[in-house]
């Protein structure tokens, strides 16, 4: 990995430095592919307490993302989260967690994999399916999108980060 001059910290799953990151964010996992080494590292990372967030994928792209996760966590069970889950109120209160996708007409949903497949334990993997929170973050200074969903996208992101750092 070269020095961080762009403000980003991109680490490949095959790079053991991924274990230095408290959370991993994957954008567009509908087209994502992992290697066997990446799957082994991802499994180890998640079981050691890491937190993985998927964002910016819609509709049938779910199936590819799930197939890749299956390689790392064959025992995984997805659970749909509603607004009562603590992850959505870790720091900010959000009146409506279902931030609309900024460019595709789909219904957002939040899916999670829990430690030991036990919903009373920590979320290891969070999938913002039919969502693209990062699009709001990327264009927030331009005024391209309305203030309310942009603010809620930021609130969700902050809640995710604080949850990932404290669970």
Protein backbone atom coordinates (compact mmCIF):
# COMPACT_ATOMS: atom_id res chain seq x y z
CA UNK A 1 0.00 0.00 0.00
CA UNK A 2 1.44 3.38 -0.94
CA UNK A 3 1.40 6.36 1.42
CA UNK A 4 -2.04 7.79 1.98
CA UNK A 5 -2.06 10.99 -0.03
CA UNK A 6 -5.64 10.94 -1.26
CA UNK A 7 -7.52 10.76 2.02
CA UNK A 8 -8.43 7.12 1.41
CA UNK A 9 -7.13 3.99 3.04
CA UNK A 10 -7.64 1.11 0.64
CA UNK A 11 -6.51 -2.28 1.88
CA UNK A 12 -7.03 -5.55 0.02
CA UNK A 13 -8.38 -8.56 1.88
CA UNK A 14 -5.18 -10.43 1.05
CA UNK A 15 -3.16 -7.78 2.90
CA UNK A 16 -2.73 -8.64 6.60
CA UNK A 17 -2.82 -4.91 7.35
CA UNK A 18 -6.59 -5.21 7.06
CA UNK A 19 -6.46 -6.40 10.68
CA UNK A 20 -5.36 -2.88 11.68
CA UNK A 21 -8.73 -1.51 10.52
CA UNK A 22 -11.66 -1.54 12.98
CA UNK A 23 -14.13 -1.59 10.12
CA UNK A 24 -14.14 -2.33 6.42
CA UNK A 25 -16.45 -0.63 3.93
CA UNK A 26 -17.14 -2.31 0.57
CA UNK A 27 -18.87 -0.33 -2.15
CA UNK A 28 -20.69 -2.03 -5.04
CA UNK A 29 -20.43 -5.62 -3.73
CA UNK A 30 -22.82 -6.70 -6.46
CA UNK A 31 -19.70 -7.05 -8.62
CA UNK A 32 -17.27 -7.97 -5.85
CA UNK A 33 -15.03 -11.05 -6.02
CA UNK A 34 -12.75 -12.40 -3.32
CA UNK A 35 -9.91 -14.87 -3.53
CA UNK A 36 -9.54 -17.90 -1.28
CA UNK A 37 -6.90 -16.02 0.73
CA UNK A 38 -9.19 -13.01 0.96
CA UNK A 39 -12.05 -15.22 2.18
CA UNK A 40 -9.83 -16.79 4.86
CA UNK A 41 -8.60 -13.37 6.01
CA UNK A 42 -12.11 -11.91 6.01
CA UNK A 43 -13.39 -14.79 8.12
CA UNK A 44 -10.56 -14.39 10.61
CA UNK A 45 -11.04 -10.61 10.68
CA UNK A 46 -14.77 -10.86 11.41
CA UNK A 47 -14.40 -13.59 14.02
CA UNK A 48 -11.76 -11.50 15.80
CA UNK A 49 -14.16 -8.59 16.15
CA UNK A 50 -13.98 -6.79 12.81
CA UNK A 51 -17.01 -5.04 11.30
CA UNK A 52 -17.88 -5.11 7.59
CA UNK A 53 -20.29 -2.72 5.86
CA UNK A 54 -21.66 -3.21 2.34
CA UNK A 55 -23.24 -0.28 0.49
CA UNK A 56 -24.24 0.76 -3.03
CA UNK A 57 -25.85 -2.33 -4.49
CA UNK A 58 -29.36 -3.05 -5.63
CA UNK A 59 -31.86 -5.76 -6.50
CA UNK A 60 -30.31 -9.01 -7.80
CA UNK A 61 -26.78 -7.78 -7.04
CA UNK A 62 -27.57 -9.22 -3.61
CA UNK A 63 -26.88 -12.74 -4.89
CA UNK A 64 -23.28 -12.10 -5.89
CA UNK A 65 -22.51 -10.31 -2.63
CA UNK A 66 -24.03 -13.17 -0.63
CA UNK A 67 -22.11 -15.77 -2.65
CA UNK A 68 -18.85 -13.99 -1.81
CA UNK A 69 -19.74 -13.72 1.89
CA UNK A 70 -20.64 -17.42 1.86
CA UNK A 71 -17.03 -18.18 0.95
CA UNK A 72 -15.85 -16.49 4.17
CA UNK A 73 -18.78 -17.33 6.44
CA UNK A 74 -20.49 -20.53 5.20
CA UNK A 75 -22.54 -20.70 8.41
CA UNK A 76 -23.91 -17.15 7.99
CA UNK A 77 -27.57 -16.34 8.41
CA UNK A 78 -28.87 -12.97 7.28
CA UNK A 79 -31.38 -11.17 9.49
CA UNK A 80 -33.32 -8.13 8.35
CA UNK A 81 -32.97 -5.22 10.77
CA UNK A 82 -35.66 -2.69 11.51
CA UNK A 83 -35.35 0.70 13.15
CA UNK A 84 -35.41 -0.83 16.64
CA UNK A 85 -31.91 -2.29 16.31
CA UNK A 86 -29.37 -0.41 18.47
CA UNK A 87 -27.01 0.15 15.52
CA UNK A 88 -29.39 2.80 14.19
CA UNK A 89 -29.31 4.86 17.38
CA UNK A 90 -25.73 4.38 18.53
CA UNK A 91 -25.07 8.13 18.45
CA UNK A 92 -27.67 9.96 16.36
CA UNK A 93 -31.41 9.51 16.49
CA UNK A 94 -32.81 9.02 12.98
CA UNK A 95 -36.54 9.43 12.55
CA UNK A 96 -36.66 7.32 9.36
CA UNK A 97 -33.71 4.98 8.74
CA UNK A 98 -34.95 4.10 5.25
CA UNK A 99 -32.96 6.73 3.37
CA UNK A 100 -34.11 6.47 -0.25
CA UNK A 101 -31.64 5.37 -2.88
CA UNK A 102 -30.51 8.58 -4.59
CA UNK A 103 -30.80 7.30 -8.17
CA UNK A 104 -32.65 3.94 -8.32
CA UNK A 105 -36.30 3.30 -7.47
CA UNK A 106 -35.88 0.51 -4.90
CA UNK A 107 -36.90 -0.06 -1.28
CA UNK A 108 -33.90 0.10 1.05
CA UNK A 109 -33.40 -2.67 3.55
CA UNK A 110 -30.75 -3.45 6.14
CA UNK A 111 -29.49 -7.00 6.49
CA UNK A 112 -27.05 -8.24 9.11
CA UNK A 113 -24.98 -11.23 10.09
CA UNK A 114 -24.56 -11.57 13.83
CA UNK A 115 -21.80 -13.17 15.83
CA UNK A 116 -22.72 -16.87 16.30
CA UNK A 117 -25.86 -16.15 14.23
CA UNK A 118 -27.34 -14.77 17.45
CA UNK A 119 -29.28 -11.49 17.06
CA UNK A 120 -28.59 -10.65 20.71
CA UNK A 121 -24.86 -10.46 19.92
CA UNK A 122 -22.86 -7.98 17.85
CA UNK A 123 -23.41 -7.28 14.17
CA UNK A 124 -20.38 -8.54 12.23
CA UNK A 125 -21.65 -7.68 8.75
CA UNK A 126 -24.13 -4.97 7.77
CA UNK A 127 -25.52 -4.78 4.24
CA UNK A 128 -27.28 -1.60 3.10
CA UNK A 129 -29.16 -3.38 0.30
CA UNK A 130 -31.03 -1.22 -2.22
CA UNK A 131 -29.14 1.71 -0.83
CA UNK A 132 -26.27 4.03 -1.65
CA UNK A 133 -25.49 6.11 1.42
CA UNK A 134 -22.05 6.99 0.10
CA UNK A 135 -23.56 8.74 -2.91
CA UNK A 136 -25.07 11.26 -0.50
CA UNK A 137 -21.71 11.64 1.27
CA UNK A 138 -19.82 12.06 -2.00
CA UNK A 139 -22.07 14.80 -3.35
CA UNK A 140 -23.11 16.52 -0.11
CA UNK A 141 -21.20 19.73 -0.82
CA UNK A 142 -22.69 20.08 -4.30
CA UNK A 143 -26.35 20.38 -3.31
CA UNK A 144 -27.21 17.61 -5.79
CA UNK A 145 -29.41 15.85 -3.25
CA UNK A 146 -31.84 17.19 -0.66
CA UNK A 147 -30.55 18.11 2.77
CA UNK A 148 -32.73 15.71 4.79
CA UNK A 149 -31.67 12.40 3.18
CA UNK A 150 -28.07 13.64 2.98
CA UNK A 151 -28.07 14.41 6.70
CA UNK A 152 -29.66 11.03 7.50
CA UNK A 153 -27.05 9.25 5.36
CA UNK A 154 -24.33 10.94 7.41
CA UNK A 155 -26.12 10.07 10.65
CA UNK A 156 -26.31 6.42 9.64
CA UNK A 157 -22.63 6.42 8.72
CA UNK A 158 -21.63 7.93 12.07
CA UNK A 159 -23.82 5.43 13.91
CA UNK A 160 -22.18 2.56 12.01
CA UNK A 161 -18.67 3.79 12.81
CA UNK A 162 -19.38 4.26 16.50
CA UNK A 163 -21.12 0.87 16.67
CA UNK A 164 -18.17 -0.78 14.95
CA UNK A 165 -15.70 0.84 17.34
CA UNK A 166 -17.64 -0.07 20.48
CA UNK A 167 -18.96 -3.59 19.81
